[in-house]
PDB file of N, CA and C in Angstrom:
ATOM      1  N   MET A   1       0.878  -1.159  -0.020  1.00  0.00           N
ATOM      2  CA  MET A   1       0.010   0.001   0.091  1.00  0.00           C
ATOM      3  C   MET A   1       0.857   1.251  -0.009  1.00  0.00           C
ATOM      4  N   GLU A   2       0.491   2.216  -0.709  1.00  0.00           N
ATOM      5  CA  GLU A   2       1.232   3.502  -0.851  1.00  0.00           C
ATOM      6  C   GLU A   2       1.266   4.181   0.550  1.00  0.00           C
ATOM      7  N   LYS A   3       2.303   4.914   0.753  1.00  0.00           N
ATOM      8  CA  LYS A   3       2.475   5.718   2.024  1.00  0.00           C
ATOM      9  C   LYS A   3       1.427   6.643   2.257  1.00  0.00           C
ATOM     10  N   LYS A   4       1.035   7.357   1.108  1.00  0.00           N
ATOM     11  CA  LYS A   4      -0.120   8.375   1.181  1.00  0.00           C
ATOM     12  C   LYS A   4      -1.409   7.640   1.603  1.00  0.00           C
ATOM     13  N   THR A   5      -1.720   6.590   1.067  1.00  0.00           N
ATOM     14  CA  THR A   5      -2.874   5.928   1.339  1.00  0.00           C
ATOM     15  C   THR A   5      -2.883   5.418   2.764  1.00  0.00           C
ATOM     16  N   MET A   6      -1.823   4.831   3.230  1.00  0.00           N
ATOM     17  CA  MET A   6      -1.712   4.386   4.619  1.00  0.00           C
ATOM     18  C   MET A   6      -1.914   5.536   5.591  1.00  0.00           C
ATOM     19  N   ALA A   7      -1.227   6.723   5.271  1.00  0.00           N
ATOM     20  CA  ALA A   7      -1.358   7.911   6.086  1.00  0.00           C
ATOM     21  C   ALA A   7      -2.739   8.357   6.217  1.00  0.00           C
ATOM     22  N   ARG A   8      -3.514   8.278   5.148  1.00  0.00           N
ATOM     23  CA  ARG A   8      -4.840   8.710   5.162  1.00  0.00           C
ATOM     24  C   ARG A   8      -5.717   7.832   6.073  1.00  0.00           C
ATOM     25  N   PHE A   9      -5.531   6.472   5.897  1.00  0.00           N
ATOM     26  CA  PHE A   9      -6.353   5.583   6.778  1.00  0.00           C
ATOM     27  C   PHE A   9      -5.903   5.764   8.282  1.00  0.00           C
ATOM     28  N   GLU A  10      -4.621   6.011   8.497  1.00  0.00           N
ATOM     29  CA  GLU A  10      -4.167   6.224   9.909  1.00  0.00           C
ATOM     30  C   GLU A  10      -4.931   7.590  10.517  1.00  0.00           C
ATOM     31  N   GLU A  11      -4.959   8.522   9.713  1.00  0.00           N
ATOM     32  CA  GLU A  11      -5.585   9.795  10.099  1.00  0.00           C
ATOM     33  C   GLU A  11      -7.080   9.599  10.289  1.00  0.00           C
ATOM     34  N   GLN A  12      -7.687   8.861   9.496  1.00  0.00           N
ATOM     35  CA  GLN A  12      -9.134   8.511   9.684  1.00  0.00           C
ATOM     36  C   GLN A  12      -9.410   7.777  11.061  1.00  0.00           C
ATOM     37  N   ALA A  13      -8.445   6.757  11.236  1.00  0.00           N
ATOM     38  CA  ALA A  13      -8.506   6.024  12.533  1.00  0.00           C
ATOM     39  C   ALA A  13      -8.310   6.900  13.750  1.00  0.00           C
ATOM     40  N   ARG A  14      -7.421   7.916  13.608  1.00  0.00           N
ATOM     41  CA  ARG A  14      -7.199   8.872  14.683  1.00  0.00           C
ATOM     42  C   ARG A  14      -8.494   9.587  15.002  1.00  0.00           C
ATOM     43  N   ILE A  15      -9.190  10.074  14.023  1.00  0.00           N
ATOM     44  CA  ILE A  15     -10.375  10.834  14.245  1.00  0.00           C
ATOM     45  C   ILE A  15     -11.466   9.957  14.777  1.00  0.00           C
ATOM     46  N   ILE A  16     -11.628   8.723  14.257  1.00  0.00           N
ATOM     47  CA  ILE A  16     -12.630   7.782  14.695  1.00  0.00           C
ATOM     48  C   ILE A  16     -12.221   7.439  16.304  1.00  0.00           C
ATOM     49  N   LYS A  17     -10.982   7.288  16.572  1.00  0.00           N
ATOM     50  CA  LYS A  17     -10.666   6.987  17.919  1.00  0.00           C
ATOM     51  C   LYS A  17     -11.056   8.132  18.877  1.00  0.00           C
ATOM     52  N   ALA A  18     -10.935   9.429  18.439  1.00  0.00           N
ATOM     53  CA  ALA A  18     -11.302  10.592  19.163  1.00  0.00           C
ATOM     54  C   ALA A  18     -12.813  10.428  19.537  1.00  0.00           C
ATOM     55  N   LEU A  19     -13.599   9.762  18.766  1.00  0.00           N
ATOM     56  CA  LEU A  19     -15.015   9.716  19.022  1.00  0.00           C
ATOM     57  C   LEU A  19     -15.344   8.416  19.840  1.00  0.00           C
ATOM     58  N   SER A  20     -14.330   7.671  20.202  1.00  0.00           N
ATOM     59  CA  SER A  20     -14.685   6.406  20.748  1.00  0.00           C
ATOM     60  C   SER A  20     -14.871   6.339  22.260  1.00  0.00           C
ATOM     61  N   HIS A  21     -15.476   7.356  22.782  1.00  0.00           N
ATOM     62  CA  HIS A  21     -15.920   7.394  24.255  1.00  0.00           C
ATOM     63  C   HIS A  21     -17.387   8.001  24.277  1.00  0.00           C
ATOM     64  N   PRO A  22     -18.189   7.306  25.068  1.00  0.00           N
ATOM     65  CA  PRO A  22     -19.655   7.815  25.087  1.00  0.00           C
ATOM     66  C   PRO A  22     -19.719   9.256  25.389  1.00  0.00           C
ATOM     67  N   SER A  23     -18.948   9.799  26.326  1.00  0.00           N
ATOM     68  CA  SER A  23     -18.952  11.200  26.728  1.00  0.00           C
ATOM     69  C   SER A  23     -18.656  12.107  25.610  1.00  0.00           C
ATOM     70  N   ARG A  24     -17.635  11.692  24.788  1.00  0.00           N
ATOM     71  CA  ARG A  24     -17.321  12.479  23.608  1.00  0.00           C
ATOM     72  C   ARG A  24     -18.465  12.474  22.595  1.00  0.00           C
ATOM     73  N   LEU A  25     -19.094  11.350  22.407  1.00  0.00           N
ATOM     74  CA  LEU A  25     -20.206  11.291  21.524  1.00  0.00           C
ATOM     75  C   LEU A  25     -21.424  12.215  22.022  1.00  0.00           C
ATOM     76  N   ILE A  26     -21.572  12.244  23.305  1.00  0.00           N
ATOM     77  CA  ILE A  26     -22.618  13.091  23.879  1.00  0.00           C
ATOM     78  C   ILE A  26     -22.212  14.575  23.543  1.00  0.00           C
ATOM     79  N   ILE A  27     -20.973  14.863  23.753  1.00  0.00           N
ATOM     80  CA  ILE A  27     -20.521  16.249  23.560  1.00  0.00           C
ATOM     81  C   ILE A  27     -20.794  16.688  22.116  1.00  0.00           C
ATOM     82  N   VAL A  28     -20.338  15.854  21.127  1.00  0.00           N
ATOM     83  CA  VAL A  28     -20.581  16.090  19.696  1.00  0.00           C
ATOM     84  C   VAL A  28     -22.089  16.233  19.393  1.00  0.00           C
ATOM     85  N   ASP A  29     -22.892  15.361  19.961  1.00  0.00           N
ATOM     86  CA  ASP A  29     -24.226  15.449  19.760  1.00  0.00           C
ATOM     87  C   ASP A  29     -24.868  16.652  20.323  1.00  0.00           C
ATOM     88  N   GLU A  30     -24.534  17.113  21.444  1.00  0.00           N
ATOM     89  CA  GLU A  30     -24.969  18.282  22.008  1.00  0.00           C
ATOM     90  C   GLU A  30     -24.573  19.600  21.228  1.00  0.00           C
ATOM     91  N   LEU A  31     -23.378  19.556  20.810  1.00  0.00           N
ATOM     92  CA  LEU A  31     -22.826  20.665  20.037  1.00  0.00           C
ATOM     93  C   LEU A  31     -23.498  20.833  18.707  1.00  0.00           C
ATOM     94  N   LYS A  32     -24.270  19.854  18.141  1.00  0.00           N
ATOM     95  CA  LYS A  32     -24.943  20.018  16.895  1.00  0.00           C
ATOM     96  C   LYS A  32     -26.039  21.157  17.092  1.00  0.00           C
ATOM     97  N   ASN A  33     -26.511  21.331  18.371  1.00  0.00           N
ATOM     98  CA  ASN A  33     -27.585  22.231  18.501  1.00  0.00           C
ATOM     99  C   ASN A  33     -27.115  23.710  18.900  1.00  0.00           C
ATOM    100  N   VAL A  34     -26.086  23.796  19.663  1.00  0.00           N
ATOM    101  CA  VAL A  34     -25.783  25.073  20.238  1.00  0.00           C
ATOM    102  C   VAL A  34     -24.315  24.954  20.806  1.00  0.00           C
ATOM    103  N   LYS A  35     -23.697  26.063  20.859  1.00  0.00           N
ATOM    104  CA  LYS A  35     -22.311  26.145  21.477  1.00  0.00           C
ATOM    105  C   LYS A  35     -22.529  25.919  23.032  1.00  0.00           C
ATOM    106  N   ARG A  36     -21.527  25.324  23.614  1.00  0.00           N
ATOM    107  CA  ARG A  36     -21.616  25.100  25.000  1.00  0.00           C
ATOM    108  C   ARG A  36     -20.271  25.373  25.693  1.00  0.00           C
ATOM    109  N   CYS A  37     -20.340  25.814  26.920  1.00  0.00           N
ATOM    110  CA  CYS A  37     -19.077  26.012  27.685  1.00  0.00           C
ATOM    111  C   CYS A  37     -18.863  24.610  28.591  1.00  0.00           C
ATOM    112  N   VAL A  38     -17.674  24.537  29.193  1.00  0.00           N
ATOM    113  CA  VAL A  38     -17.272  23.418  29.839  1.00  0.00           C
ATOM    114  C   VAL A  38     -18.274  23.038  31.089  1.00  0.00           C
ATOM    115  N   SER A  39     -18.717  24.074  31.708  1.00  0.00           N
ATOM    116  CA  SER A  39     -19.567  23.888  32.904  1.00  0.00           C
ATOM    117  C   SER A  39     -20.952  23.300  32.460  1.00  0.00           C
ATOM    118  N   GLU A  40     -21.464  23.879  31.356  1.00  0.00           N
ATOM    119  CA  GLU A  40     -22.674  23.223  30.785  1.00  0.00           C
ATOM    120  C   GLU A  40     -22.634  21.800  30.353  1.00  0.00           C
ATOM    121  N   LEU A  41     -21.443  21.448  29.702  1.00  0.00           N
ATOM    122  CA  LEU A  41     -21.181  20.118  29.351  1.00  0.00           C
ATOM    123  C   LEU A  41     -20.836  19.187  30.473  1.00  0.00           C
ATOM    124  N   THR A  42     -20.276  19.769  31.505  1.00  0.00           N
ATOM    125  CA  THR A  42     -19.975  18.930  32.805  1.00  0.00           C
ATOM    126  C   THR A  42     -21.347  18.523  33.431  1.00  0.00           C
ATOM    127  N   GLU A  43     -22.203  19.526  33.452  1.00  0.00           N
ATOM    128  CA  GLU A  43     -23.625  19.227  34.080  1.00  0.00           C
ATOM    129  C   GLU A  43     -24.328  18.245  33.229  1.00  0.00           C
ATOM    130  N   LEU A  44     -24.211  18.355  31.926  1.00  0.00           N
ATOM    131  CA  LEU A  44     -24.951  17.393  31.071  1.00  0.00           C
ATOM    132  C   LEU A  44     -24.318  15.983  31.137  1.00  0.00           C
ATOM    133  N   ILE A  45     -23.060  15.836  31.192  1.00  0.00           N
ATOM    134  CA  ILE A  45     -22.404  14.553  31.228  1.00  0.00           C
ATOM    135  C   ILE A  45     -22.341  13.867  32.559  1.00  0.00           C
ATOM    136  N   GLY A  46     -22.269  14.776  33.596  1.00  0.00           N
ATOM    137  CA  GLY A  46     -22.251  14.217  34.965  1.00  0.00           C
ATOM    138  C   GLY A  46     -20.830  13.816  35.388  1.00  0.00           C
ATOM    139  N   SER A  47     -19.863  14.409  34.789  1.00  0.00           N
ATOM    140  CA  SER A  47     -18.381  14.127  35.045  1.00  0.00           C
ATOM    141  C   SER A  47     -17.848  15.439  35.639  1.00  0.00           C
ATOM    142  N   ASP A  48     -16.632  15.348  36.259  1.00  0.00           N
ATOM    143  CA  ASP A  48     -16.051  16.558  36.745  1.00  0.00           C
ATOM    144  C   ASP A  48     -15.407  17.329  35.631  1.00  0.00           C
ATOM    145  N   THR A  49     -15.118  18.681  35.899  1.00  0.00           N
ATOM    146  CA  THR A  49     -14.657  19.626  34.887  1.00  0.00           C
ATOM    147  C   THR A  49     -13.347  19.141  34.227  1.00  0.00           C
ATOM    148  N   SER A  50     -12.539  18.594  34.957  1.00  0.00           N
ATOM    149  CA  SER A  50     -11.181  18.169  34.318  1.00  0.00           C
ATOM    150  C   SER A  50     -11.397  17.089  33.345  1.00  0.00           C
ATOM    151  N   THR A  51     -12.304  16.179  33.614  1.00  0.00           N
ATOM    152  CA  THR A  51     -12.591  15.134  32.676  1.00  0.00           C
ATOM    153  C   THR A  51     -13.231  15.648  31.423  1.00  0.00           C
ATOM    154  N   VAL A  52     -14.198  16.430  31.543  1.00  0.00           N
ATOM    155  CA  VAL A  52     -14.836  17.034  30.389  1.00  0.00           C
ATOM    156  C   VAL A  52     -13.891  17.883  29.517  1.00  0.00           C
ATOM    157  N   SER A  53     -13.033  18.611  30.290  1.00  0.00           N
ATOM    158  CA  SER A  53     -11.942  19.332  29.581  1.00  0.00           C
ATOM    159  C   SER A  53     -11.022  18.443  28.711  1.00  0.00           C
ATOM    160  N   LYS A  54     -10.725  17.252  29.264  1.00  0.00           N
ATOM    161  CA  LYS A  54      -9.850  16.354  28.578  1.00  0.00           C
ATOM    162  C   LYS A  54     -10.532  15.893  27.386  1.00  0.00           C
ATOM    163  N   HIS A  55     -11.850  15.491  27.465  1.00  0.00           N
ATOM    164  CA  HIS A  55     -12.624  14.985  26.315  1.00  0.00           C
ATOM    165  C   HIS A  55     -12.652  16.061  25.205  1.00  0.00           C
ATOM    166  N   LEU A  56     -12.914  17.365  25.710  1.00  0.00           N
ATOM    167  CA  LEU A  56     -12.966  18.415  24.724  1.00  0.00           C
ATOM    168  C   LEU A  56     -11.674  18.587  24.031  1.00  0.00           C
ATOM    169  N   SER A  57     -10.456  18.425  24.751  1.00  0.00           N
ATOM    170  CA  SER A  57      -9.162  18.547  24.124  1.00  0.00           C
ATOM    171  C   SER A  57      -8.934  17.443  23.130  1.00  0.00           C
ATOM    172  N   VAL A  58      -9.418  16.264  23.374  1.00  0.00           N
ATOM    173  CA  VAL A  58      -9.273  15.108  22.454  1.00  0.00           C
ATOM    174  C   VAL A  58     -10.034  15.468  21.195  1.00  0.00           C
ATOM    175  N   LEU A  59     -11.283  15.958  21.397  1.00  0.00           N
ATOM    176  CA  LEU A  59     -12.026  16.379  20.117  1.00  0.00           C
ATOM    177  C   LEU A  59     -11.482  17.508  19.467  1.00  0.00           C
ATOM    178  N   LYS A  60     -10.985  18.464  20.086  1.00  0.00           N
ATOM    179  CA  LYS A  60     -10.285  19.571  19.511  1.00  0.00           C
ATOM    180  C   LYS A  60      -9.056  19.253  18.713  1.00  0.00           C
ATOM    181  N   ASN A  61      -8.235  18.442  19.417  1.00  0.00           N
ATOM    182  CA  ASN A  61      -7.004  17.828  18.747  1.00  0.00           C
ATOM    183  C   ASN A  61      -7.398  17.049  17.385  1.00  0.00           C
ATOM    184  N   ALA A  62      -8.491  16.412  17.343  1.00  0.00           N
ATOM    185  CA  ALA A  62      -8.897  15.662  16.241  1.00  0.00           C
ATOM    186  C   ALA A  62      -9.587  16.595  15.138  1.00  0.00           C
ATOM    187  N   GLY A  63      -9.831  17.829  15.453  1.00  0.00           N
ATOM    188  CA  GLY A  63     -10.331  18.806  14.469  1.00  0.00           C
ATOM    189  C   GLY A  63     -11.864  18.721  14.389  1.00  0.00           C
ATOM    190  N   LEU A  64     -12.468  18.229  15.393  1.00  0.00           N
ATOM    191  CA  LEU A  64     -13.935  18.036  15.432  1.00  0.00           C
ATOM    192  C   LEU A  64     -14.720  19.185  16.056  1.00  0.00           C
ATOM    193  N   VAL A  65     -14.063  19.881  17.045  1.00  0.00           N
ATOM    194  CA  VAL A  65     -14.629  20.918  17.724  1.00  0.00           C
ATOM    195  C   VAL A  65     -13.578  22.145  17.731  1.00  0.00           C
ATOM    196  N   PHE A  66     -14.036  23.342  17.977  1.00  0.00           N
ATOM    197  CA  PHE A  66     -13.193  24.424  18.176  1.00  0.00           C
ATOM    198  C   PHE A  66     -13.706  25.173  19.291  1.00  0.00           C
ATOM    199  N   ALA A  67     -12.733  26.098  19.940  1.00  0.00           N
ATOM    200  CA  ALA A  67     -13.055  26.889  21.143  1.00  0.00           C
ATOM    201  C   ALA A  67     -13.106  28.278  20.714  1.00  0.00           C
ATOM    202  N   GLU A  68     -13.985  29.039  21.366  1.00  0.00           N
ATOM    203  CA  GLU A  68     -14.218  30.448  20.974  1.00  0.00           C
ATOM    204  C   GLU A  68     -14.431  31.152  22.374  1.00  0.00           C
ATOM    205  N   LYS A  69     -13.544  32.095  22.760  1.00  0.00           N
ATOM    206  CA  LYS A  69     -13.575  32.761  24.045  1.00  0.00           C
ATOM    207  C   LYS A  69     -14.502  34.002  23.869  1.00  0.00           C
ATOM    208  N   GLN A  70     -15.469  34.057  24.807  1.00  0.00           N
ATOM    209  CA  GLN A  70     -16.281  35.223  24.895  1.00  0.00           C
ATOM    210  C   GLN A  70     -16.235  35.713  26.407  1.00  0.00           C
ATOM    211  N   GLY A  71     -15.473  36.839  26.478  1.00  0.00           N
ATOM    212  CA  GLY A  71     -15.267  37.255  27.861  1.00  0.00           C
ATOM    213  C   GLY A  71     -14.394  36.436  28.601  1.00  0.00           C
ATOM    214  N   THR A  72     -14.834  35.879  29.719  1.00  0.00           N
ATOM    215  CA  THR A  72     -14.097  34.990  30.557  1.00  0.00           C
ATOM    216  C   THR A  72     -14.439  33.513  30.299  1.00  0.00           C
ATOM    217  N   THR A  73     -15.445  33.354  29.433  1.00  0.00           N
ATOM    218  CA  THR A  73     -15.917  31.993  29.208  1.00  0.00           C
ATOM    219  C   THR A  73     -15.509  31.363  27.816  1.00  0.00           C
ATOM    220  N   VAL A  74     -15.108  30.223  27.700  1.00  0.00           N
ATOM    221  CA  VAL A  74     -14.733  29.522  26.522  1.00  0.00           C
ATOM    222  C   VAL A  74     -15.984  28.599  26.058  1.00  0.00           C
ATOM    223  N   TYR A  75     -16.427  28.901  24.899  1.00  0.00           N
ATOM    224  CA  TYR A  75     -17.452  28.033  24.315  1.00  0.00           C
ATOM    225  C   TYR A  75     -16.998  27.170  23.203  1.00  0.00           C
ATOM    226  N   TYR A  76     -17.597  26.043  23.147  1.00  0.00           N
ATOM    227  CA  TYR A  76     -17.135  25.008  22.136  1.00  0.00           C
ATOM    228  C   TYR A  76     -18.217  24.833  21.019  1.00  0.00           C
ATOM    229  N   ASN A  77     -17.800  24.838  19.867  1.00  0.00           N
ATOM    230  CA  ASN A  77     -18.630  24.605  18.700  1.00  0.00           C
ATOM    231  C   ASN A  77     -18.209  23.339  17.947  1.00  0.00           C
ATOM    232  N   LEU A  78     -19.089  22.827  17.209  1.00  0.00           N
ATOM    233  CA  LEU A  78     -18.820  21.724  16.365  1.00  0.00           C
ATOM    234  C   LEU A  78     -18.158  22.326  15.030  1.00  0.00           C
ATOM    235  N   ARG A  79     -16.924  21.853  14.719  1.00  0.00           N
ATOM    236  CA  ARG A  79     -16.193  22.416  13.592  1.00  0.00           C
ATOM    237  C   ARG A  79     -16.627  21.798  12.405  1.00  0.00           C
ATOM    238  N   MET A  80     -16.862  20.457  12.468  1.00  0.00           N
ATOM    239  CA  MET A  80     -17.352  19.717  11.237  1.00  0.00           C
ATOM    240  C   MET A  80     -18.643  19.138  11.341  1.00  0.00           C
ATOM    241  N   PRO A  81     -19.700  19.919  11.094  1.00  0.00           N
ATOM    242  CA  PRO A  81     -21.066  19.252  11.170  1.00  0.00           C
ATOM    243  C   PRO A  81     -21.342  17.980  10.393  1.00  0.00           C
ATOM    244  N   CYS A  82     -20.509  17.741   9.362  1.00  0.00           N
ATOM    245  CA  CYS A  82     -20.721  16.606   8.496  1.00  0.00           C
ATOM    246  C   CYS A  82     -20.413  15.368   9.281  1.00  0.00           C
ATOM    247  N   ILE A  83     -19.802  15.491  10.484  1.00  0.00           N
ATOM    248  CA  ILE A  83     -19.601  14.272  11.362  1.00  0.00           C
ATOM    249  C   ILE A  83     -20.957  13.634  11.728  1.00  0.00           C
ATOM    250  N   LEU A  84     -21.988  14.520  11.783  1.00  0.00           N
ATOM    251  CA  LEU A  84     -23.331  14.050  12.059  1.00  0.00           C
ATOM    252  C   LEU A  84     -23.816  13.018  11.040  1.00  0.00           C
ATOM    253  N   ASP A  85     -23.382  13.145   9.779  1.00  0.00           N
ATOM    254  CA  ASP A  85     -23.754  12.147   8.785  1.00  0.00           C
ATOM    255  C   ASP A  85     -23.171  10.851   9.203  1.00  0.00           C
ATOM    256  N   PHE A  86     -21.983  10.791   9.775  1.00  0.00           N
ATOM    257  CA  PHE A  86     -21.302   9.439  10.246  1.00  0.00           C
ATOM    258  C   PHE A  86     -22.191   8.963  11.422  1.00  0.00           C
ATOM    259  N   PHE A  87     -22.733   9.848  12.186  1.00  0.00           N
ATOM    260  CA  PHE A  87     -23.502   9.409  13.357  1.00  0.00           C
ATOM    261  C   PHE A  87     -24.802   8.762  12.842  1.00  0.00           C
ATOM    262  N   ASN A  88     -25.424   9.411  11.799  1.00  0.00           N
ATOM    263  CA  ASN A  88     -26.598   8.806  11.113  1.00  0.00           C
ATOM    264  C   ASN A  88     -26.323   7.451  10.605  1.00  0.00           C
ATOM    265  N   CYS A  89     -25.224   7.263   9.944  1.00  0.00           N
ATOM    266  CA  CYS A  89     -24.774   6.021   9.428  1.00  0.00           C
ATOM    267  C   CYS A  89     -24.679   4.922  10.551  1.00  0.00           C
ATOM    268  N   ILE A  90     -24.068   5.302  11.706  1.00  0.00           N
ATOM    269  CA  ILE A  90     -23.943   4.380  12.752  1.00  0.00           C
ATOM    270  C   ILE A  90     -25.340   3.968  13.225  1.00  0.00           C
ATOM    271  N   GLU A  91     -26.324   4.924  13.401  1.00  0.00           N
ATOM    272  CA  GLU A  91     -27.535   4.565  13.736  1.00  0.00           C
ATOM    273  C   GLU A  91     -28.248   3.604  12.788  1.00  0.00           C
ATOM    274  N   SER A  92     -27.932   3.749  11.552  1.00  0.00           N
ATOM    275  CA  SER A  92     -28.514   2.844  10.489  1.00  0.00           C
ATOM    276  C   SER A  92     -27.855   1.336  10.787  1.00  0.00           C
ATOM    277  N   VAL A  93     -26.662   1.304  11.073  1.00  0.00           N
ATOM    278  CA  VAL A  93     -26.021  -0.039  11.409  1.00  0.00           C
ATOM    279  C   VAL A  93     -26.675  -0.527  12.648  1.00  0.00           C
ATOM    280  N   ILE A  94     -26.850   0.238  13.576  1.00  0.00           N
ATOM    281  CA  ILE A  94     -27.533  -0.329  14.845  1.00  0.00           C
ATOM    282  C   ILE A  94     -28.865  -0.841  14.569  1.00  0.00           C
ATOM    283  N   GLU A  95     -29.726  -0.086  13.736  1.00  0.00           N
ATOM    284  CA  GLU A  95     -30.960  -0.614  13.325  1.00  0.00           C
ATOM    285  C   GLU A  95     -30.969  -1.807  12.616  1.00  0.00           C
ATOM    286  N   ALA A  96     -30.053  -1.917  11.660  1.00  0.00           N
ATOM    287  CA  ALA A  96     -29.891  -3.239  10.780  1.00  0.00           C
ATOM    288  C   ALA A  96     -29.544  -4.294  11.707  1.00  0.00           C
ATOM    289  N   ASN A  97     -28.615  -4.118  12.659  1.00  0.00           N
ATOM    290  CA  ASN A  97     -28.152  -5.234  13.466  1.00  0.00           C
ATOM    291  C   ASN A  97     -29.299  -5.615  14.350  1.00  0.00           C
ATOM    292  N   ALA A  98     -30.016  -4.742  14.865  1.00  0.00           N
ATOM    293  CA  ALA A  98     -31.224  -5.116  15.705  1.00  0.00           C
ATOM    294  C   ALA A  98     -32.265  -5.820  14.953  1.00  0.00           C
ATOM    295  N   PHE A  99     -32.478  -5.409  13.619  1.00  0.00           N
ATOM    296  CA  PHE A  99     -33.448  -6.065  12.776  1.00  0.00           C
ATOM    297  C   PHE A  99     -32.967  -7.637  12.560  1.00  0.00           C
ATOM    298  N   GLY A 100     -31.716  -7.742  12.298  1.00  0.00           N
ATOM    299  CA  GLY A 100     -31.123  -8.944  12.020  1.00  0.00           C
ATOM    300  C   GLY A 100     -31.188  -9.944  13.150  1.00  0.00           C
ATOM    301  N   GLN A 101     -31.026  -9.362  14.442  1.00  0.00           N
ATOM    302  CA  GLN A 101     -31.132 -10.186  15.568  1.00  0.00           C
ATOM    303  C   GLN A 101     -32.603 -10.535  15.771  1.00  0.00           C
ATOM    304  N   MET A 102     -33.458  -9.683  15.528  1.00  0.00           N
ATOM    305  CA  MET A 102     -34.968  -9.990  15.770  1.00  0.00           C
ATOM    306  C   MET A 102     -35.305 -11.038  14.800  1.00  0.00           C
ATOM    307  N   GLU A 103     -34.814 -10.997  13.637  1.00  0.00           N
ATOM    308  CA  GLU A 103     -35.100 -12.047  12.572  1.00  0.00           C
ATOM    309  C   GLU A 103     -34.581 -13.492  13.055  1.00  0.00           C
ATOM    310  N   THR A 104     -33.397 -13.468  13.653  1.00  0.00           N
ATOM    311  CA  THR A 104     -32.875 -14.689  14.090  1.00  0.00           C
ATOM    312  C   THR A 104     -33.752 -15.241  15.366  1.00  0.00           C
ATOM    313  N   VAL A 105     -34.161 -14.379  16.266  1.00  0.00           N
ATOM    314  CA  VAL A 105     -34.945 -14.861  17.355  1.00  0.00           C
ATOM    315  C   VAL A 105     -36.279 -15.387  16.811  1.00  0.00           C
ATOM    316  N   ILE A 106     -36.944 -14.689  15.927  1.00  0.00           N
ATOM    317  CA  ILE A 106     -38.154 -15.184  15.369  1.00  0.00           C
ATOM    318  C   ILE A 106     -37.953 -16.487  14.664  1.00  0.00           C
ATOM    319  N   SER A 107     -36.901 -16.679  13.893  1.00  0.00           N
ATOM    320  CA  SER A 107     -36.636 -17.899  13.152  1.00  0.00           C
ATOM    321  C   SER A 107     -36.461 -19.030  14.236  1.00  0.00           C
ATOM    322  N   CYS A 108     -35.705 -18.679  15.318  1.00  0.00           N
ATOM    323  CA  CYS A 108     -35.430 -19.835  16.310  1.00  0.00           C
ATOM    324  C   CYS A 108     -36.779 -20.187  16.937  1.00  0.00           C
ATOM    325  N   LYS A 109     -37.727 -19.242  17.292  1.00  0.00           N
ATOM    326  CA  LYS A 109     -38.940 -19.510  17.907  1.00  0.00           C
ATOM    327  C   LYS A 109     -39.884 -20.288  17.002  1.00  0.00           C
ATOM    328  N   THR A 110     -39.818 -20.161  15.665  1.00  0.00           N
ATOM    329  CA  THR A 110     -40.793 -20.823  14.728  1.00  0.00           C
ATOM    330  C   THR A 110     -40.344 -22.235  14.483  1.00  0.00           C
ATOM    331  N   LYS A 111     -39.020 -22.493  14.859  1.00  0.00           N
ATOM    332  CA  LYS A 111     -38.473 -23.953  14.611  1.00  0.00           C
ATOM    333  C   LYS A 111     -38.875 -24.793  15.758  1.00  0.00           C
ATOM    334  N   THR A 112     -39.271 -24.271  16.776  1.00  0.00           N
ATOM    335  CA  THR A 112     -39.561 -25.197  17.947  1.00  0.00           C
ATOM    336  C   THR A 112     -41.029 -25.618  18.096  1.00  0.00           C
TER     337      THR A 112
END
């Protein structure tokens, strides 16, 4: 595989890895609606401020969110709203998996 192609896949994996925590998924989902400060996100997630700040740092380093200072408060926004398309795709996979499992259960029950 070419170096450029491998580098692209590695970068994609880094971004997906940044999303691989439920709290970070909650943050991204919340930021689709409105910008939020750390204290608002802390309350939403139910974690301490330092933990939420670390999650925001991971998302920011991956290029998914950006910070905007207004007075003494820092607000976070979704930098790439197109990530929500990825979320929609994941929901479709979850639904398809659930449907497949339901078909398997029904098939098992009708055989007995």
